[in-house]
């Protein structure tokens, strides 16, 4: 029974992480658009070349949660179960 509850808890945490990643990707897209707009305005005023905000991007930035290849290890004992990434 404890293992079943731990698995259900892990599934709930996994779904929460998926939702958080989706929200962060949306916010990241909004911020990139805002930065691009500001760079264009500054570029017009100063006649300078635009700085691309996507140059320093981490390779994992476009992956979905399930594509990150993270393994979860269920660790149990007398005091209950926990999980580690």
N, C-alpha and C. Protein backbone atom coordinates (compact mmCIF):
# COMPACT_ATOMS: atom_id res chain seq x y z
N UNK A 1 0.82 -1.20 0.00
CA UNK A 1 0.00 0.00 0.00
C UNK A 1 0.87 1.27 0.00
N UNK A 2 1.96 1.24 0.77
CA UNK A 2 2.84 2.41 0.81
C UNK A 2 3.49 2.65 -0.54
N UNK A 3 3.85 1.58 -1.23
CA UNK A 3 4.48 1.73 -2.54
C UNK A 3 3.49 2.34 -3.51
N UNK A 4 2.25 1.89 -3.46
CA UNK A 4 1.22 2.43 -4.35
C UNK A 4 1.02 3.92 -4.10
N UNK A 5 0.95 4.31 -2.84
CA UNK A 5 0.80 5.73 -2.51
C UNK A 5 2.00 6.55 -2.99
N UNK A 6 3.19 5.97 -2.85
CA UNK A 6 4.39 6.67 -3.30
C UNK A 6 4.38 6.85 -4.82
N UNK A 7 3.93 5.84 -5.53
CA UNK A 7 3.86 5.92 -6.99
C UNK A 7 2.84 6.98 -7.41
N UNK A 8 1.70 7.01 -6.74
CA UNK A 8 0.68 8.03 -7.04
C UNK A 8 1.24 9.42 -6.76
N UNK A 9 1.95 9.57 -5.66
CA UNK A 9 2.56 10.85 -5.33
C UNK A 9 3.57 11.27 -6.40
N UNK A 10 4.38 10.32 -6.86
CA UNK A 10 5.35 10.62 -7.92
C UNK A 10 4.66 11.04 -9.21
N UNK A 11 3.57 10.38 -9.56
CA UNK A 11 2.83 10.75 -10.77
C UNK A 11 2.28 12.16 -10.65
N UNK A 12 1.76 12.50 -9.48
CA UNK A 12 1.25 13.86 -9.25
C UNK A 12 2.37 14.90 -9.35
N UNK A 13 3.52 14.59 -8.77
CA UNK A 13 4.66 15.51 -8.85
C UNK A 13 5.13 15.66 -10.29
N UNK A 14 5.13 14.56 -11.03
CA UNK A 14 5.55 14.60 -12.43
C UNK A 14 4.62 15.49 -13.24
N UNK A 15 3.32 15.38 -13.01
CA UNK A 15 2.36 16.22 -13.72
C UNK A 15 2.52 17.69 -13.32
N UNK A 16 2.80 17.94 -12.05
CA UNK A 16 3.05 19.31 -11.61
C UNK A 16 4.28 19.89 -12.30
N UNK A 17 5.32 19.09 -12.44
CA UNK A 17 6.53 19.55 -13.13
C UNK A 17 6.25 19.83 -14.59
N UNK A 18 5.43 19.00 -15.23
CA UNK A 18 5.06 19.24 -16.63
C UNK A 18 4.36 20.59 -16.77
N UNK A 19 3.40 20.84 -15.88
CA UNK A 19 2.67 22.11 -15.93
C UNK A 19 3.61 23.29 -15.71
N UNK A 20 4.51 23.15 -14.75
CA UNK A 20 5.45 24.23 -14.46
C UNK A 20 6.36 24.51 -15.66
N UNK A 21 6.81 23.45 -16.33
CA UNK A 21 7.67 23.63 -17.50
C UNK A 21 6.91 24.33 -18.61
N UNK A 22 5.65 23.94 -18.83
CA UNK A 22 4.83 24.62 -19.86
C UNK A 22 4.69 26.10 -19.55
N UNK A 23 4.39 26.42 -18.29
CA UNK A 23 4.24 27.83 -17.90
C UNK A 23 5.54 28.60 -18.07
N UNK A 24 6.66 27.98 -17.69
CA UNK A 24 7.95 28.65 -17.85
C UNK A 24 8.30 28.87 -19.31
N UNK A 25 7.95 27.92 -20.17
CA UNK A 25 8.20 28.10 -21.60
C UNK A 25 7.38 29.25 -22.16
N UNK A 26 6.13 29.36 -21.72
CA UNK A 26 5.29 30.48 -22.16
C UNK A 26 5.88 31.82 -21.70
N UNK A 27 6.25 31.87 -20.45
CA UNK A 27 6.83 33.11 -19.91
C UNK A 27 8.16 33.42 -20.60
N UNK A 28 8.95 32.40 -20.88
CA UNK A 28 10.21 32.60 -21.58
C UNK A 28 9.96 33.18 -22.98
N UNK A 29 8.95 32.67 -23.66
CA UNK A 29 8.61 33.19 -24.98
C UNK A 29 8.18 34.64 -24.93
N UNK A 30 7.40 34.98 -23.91
CA UNK A 30 6.97 36.38 -23.75
C UNK A 30 8.16 37.30 -23.48
N UNK A 31 9.06 36.84 -22.63
CA UNK A 31 10.23 37.66 -22.30
C UNK A 31 11.14 37.82 -23.52
N UNK A 32 11.31 36.77 -24.30
CA UNK A 32 12.13 36.87 -25.51
C UNK A 32 11.53 37.87 -26.48
N UNK A 33 10.20 37.84 -26.62
CA UNK A 33 9.53 38.79 -27.51
C UNK A 33 9.71 40.22 -27.00
N UNK A 34 9.59 40.39 -25.69
CA UNK A 34 9.77 41.71 -25.09
C UNK A 34 11.20 42.21 -25.29
N UNK A 35 12.18 41.34 -25.09
CA UNK A 35 13.58 41.72 -25.29
C UNK A 35 13.85 42.05 -26.74
N UNK A 36 13.28 41.26 -27.64
CA UNK A 36 13.48 41.52 -29.07
C UNK A 36 12.90 42.88 -29.46
N UNK A 37 11.71 43.18 -28.95
CA UNK A 37 11.08 44.46 -29.24
C UNK A 37 11.93 45.61 -28.70
N UNK A 38 12.41 45.47 -27.46
CA UNK A 38 13.25 46.51 -26.88
C UNK A 38 14.56 46.67 -27.65
N UNK A 39 15.16 45.54 -28.06
CA UNK A 39 16.39 45.61 -28.85
C UNK A 39 16.16 46.31 -30.18
N UNK A 40 15.02 46.05 -30.80
CA UNK A 40 14.71 46.72 -32.07
C UNK A 40 14.56 48.22 -31.87
N UNK A 41 13.88 48.61 -30.79
CA UNK A 41 13.71 50.04 -30.51
C UNK A 41 15.06 50.71 -30.24
N UNK A 42 15.89 50.04 -29.43
CA UNK A 42 17.21 50.59 -29.14
C UNK A 42 18.06 50.63 -30.40
N UNK A 43 17.97 49.59 -31.22
CA UNK A 43 18.72 49.55 -32.47
C UNK A 43 18.34 50.67 -33.41
N UNK A 44 17.05 50.98 -33.47
CA UNK A 44 16.60 52.09 -34.33
C UNK A 44 17.13 53.43 -33.82
N UNK A 45 17.15 53.58 -32.50
CA UNK A 45 17.60 54.84 -31.92
C UNK A 45 19.12 55.02 -32.02
N UNK A 46 19.86 53.93 -31.93
CA UNK A 46 21.32 54.05 -31.90
C UNK A 46 21.99 53.55 -33.18
N UNK A 47 21.21 52.99 -34.09
CA UNK A 47 21.73 52.43 -35.34
C UNK A 47 22.77 51.34 -35.10
N UNK A 48 22.56 50.53 -34.06
CA UNK A 48 23.48 49.43 -33.74
C UNK A 48 22.86 48.11 -34.15
N UNK A 49 23.72 47.09 -34.25
CA UNK A 49 23.27 45.75 -34.59
C UNK A 49 22.53 45.13 -33.40
N UNK A 50 21.49 44.35 -33.68
CA UNK A 50 20.70 43.71 -32.64
C UNK A 50 21.47 42.55 -32.01
N UNK A 51 21.24 42.33 -30.73
CA UNK A 51 21.83 41.20 -30.02
C UNK A 51 20.80 40.09 -29.99
N UNK A 52 21.20 38.89 -30.43
CA UNK A 52 20.29 37.75 -30.46
C UNK A 52 20.25 37.11 -29.08
N UNK A 53 19.06 36.98 -28.49
CA UNK A 53 18.93 36.44 -27.14
C UNK A 53 18.98 34.92 -27.13
N UNK A 54 18.93 34.25 -28.27
CA UNK A 54 18.92 32.79 -28.31
C UNK A 54 20.32 32.19 -28.43
N UNK A 55 21.36 32.99 -28.48
CA UNK A 55 22.71 32.46 -28.68
C UNK A 55 23.18 31.59 -27.52
N UNK A 56 22.93 32.00 -26.30
CA UNK A 56 23.44 31.28 -25.14
C UNK A 56 22.47 30.27 -24.56
N UNK A 57 21.58 29.79 -25.36
CA UNK A 57 20.52 28.91 -24.89
C UNK A 57 21.06 27.51 -24.57
N UNK A 58 20.59 26.92 -23.49
CA UNK A 58 20.96 25.55 -23.13
C UNK A 58 20.28 24.58 -24.08
N UNK A 59 20.93 23.47 -24.41
CA UNK A 59 20.32 22.52 -25.36
C UNK A 59 19.02 21.92 -24.85
N UNK A 60 18.83 21.87 -23.53
CA UNK A 60 17.62 21.29 -22.96
C UNK A 60 16.44 22.25 -22.97
N UNK A 61 16.64 23.48 -23.37
CA UNK A 61 15.61 24.50 -23.22
C UNK A 61 14.36 24.23 -24.05
N UNK A 62 14.47 23.50 -25.13
CA UNK A 62 13.31 23.23 -25.97
C UNK A 62 12.69 21.87 -25.72
N UNK A 63 13.26 21.08 -24.80
CA UNK A 63 12.73 19.74 -24.54
C UNK A 63 11.50 19.81 -23.66
N UNK A 64 10.60 18.85 -23.84
CA UNK A 64 9.48 18.68 -22.94
C UNK A 64 9.97 17.90 -21.72
N UNK A 65 9.21 17.89 -20.66
CA UNK A 65 9.62 17.21 -19.43
C UNK A 65 9.97 15.75 -19.67
N UNK A 66 9.15 15.05 -20.46
CA UNK A 66 9.37 13.62 -20.69
C UNK A 66 10.61 13.36 -21.54
N UNK A 67 11.08 14.35 -22.26
CA UNK A 67 12.24 14.18 -23.13
C UNK A 67 13.57 14.49 -22.44
N UNK A 68 13.53 14.86 -21.18
CA UNK A 68 14.76 15.24 -20.49
C UNK A 68 15.58 14.04 -20.04
N UNK A 69 15.02 12.83 -20.12
CA UNK A 69 15.71 11.60 -19.74
C UNK A 69 16.17 11.62 -18.29
N UNK A 70 15.33 12.09 -17.42
CA UNK A 70 15.62 12.06 -16.00
C UNK A 70 15.06 10.76 -15.44
N UNK A 71 15.83 10.12 -14.56
CA UNK A 71 15.37 8.90 -13.92
C UNK A 71 15.00 9.21 -12.48
N UNK A 72 13.89 8.64 -12.05
CA UNK A 72 13.46 8.81 -10.68
C UNK A 72 13.73 7.52 -9.93
N UNK A 73 14.33 7.63 -8.78
CA UNK A 73 14.61 6.46 -7.97
C UNK A 73 13.73 6.54 -6.73
N UNK A 74 12.98 5.48 -6.49
CA UNK A 74 12.13 5.42 -5.32
C UNK A 74 12.95 4.87 -4.17
N UNK A 75 13.07 5.64 -3.09
CA UNK A 75 13.88 5.24 -1.96
C UNK A 75 12.97 5.14 -0.76
N UNK A 76 12.95 3.97 -0.14
CA UNK A 76 12.05 3.74 0.97
C UNK A 76 12.79 3.28 2.21
N UNK A 77 12.06 3.24 3.28
CA UNK A 77 12.63 2.78 4.54
C UNK A 77 11.54 2.73 5.59
N UNK A 78 11.95 2.67 6.81
CA UNK A 78 11.00 2.59 7.92
C UNK A 78 10.11 3.83 7.98
N UNK A 79 10.66 4.97 7.67
CA UNK A 79 9.94 6.23 7.83
C UNK A 79 9.17 6.67 6.60
N UNK A 80 9.07 5.84 5.60
CA UNK A 80 8.29 6.20 4.42
C UNK A 80 9.14 6.21 3.16
N UNK A 81 8.58 6.78 2.14
CA UNK A 81 9.23 6.78 0.84
C UNK A 81 9.49 8.21 0.39
N UNK A 82 10.51 8.36 -0.38
CA UNK A 82 10.80 9.63 -1.03
C UNK A 82 11.35 9.33 -2.41
N UNK A 83 11.53 10.34 -3.20
CA UNK A 83 12.09 10.13 -4.53
C UNK A 83 13.22 11.10 -4.77
N UNK A 84 14.14 10.68 -5.60
CA UNK A 84 15.30 11.49 -5.95
C UNK A 84 15.45 11.50 -7.45
N UNK A 85 15.96 12.60 -7.96
CA UNK A 85 16.21 12.71 -9.40
C UNK A 85 17.66 12.42 -9.65
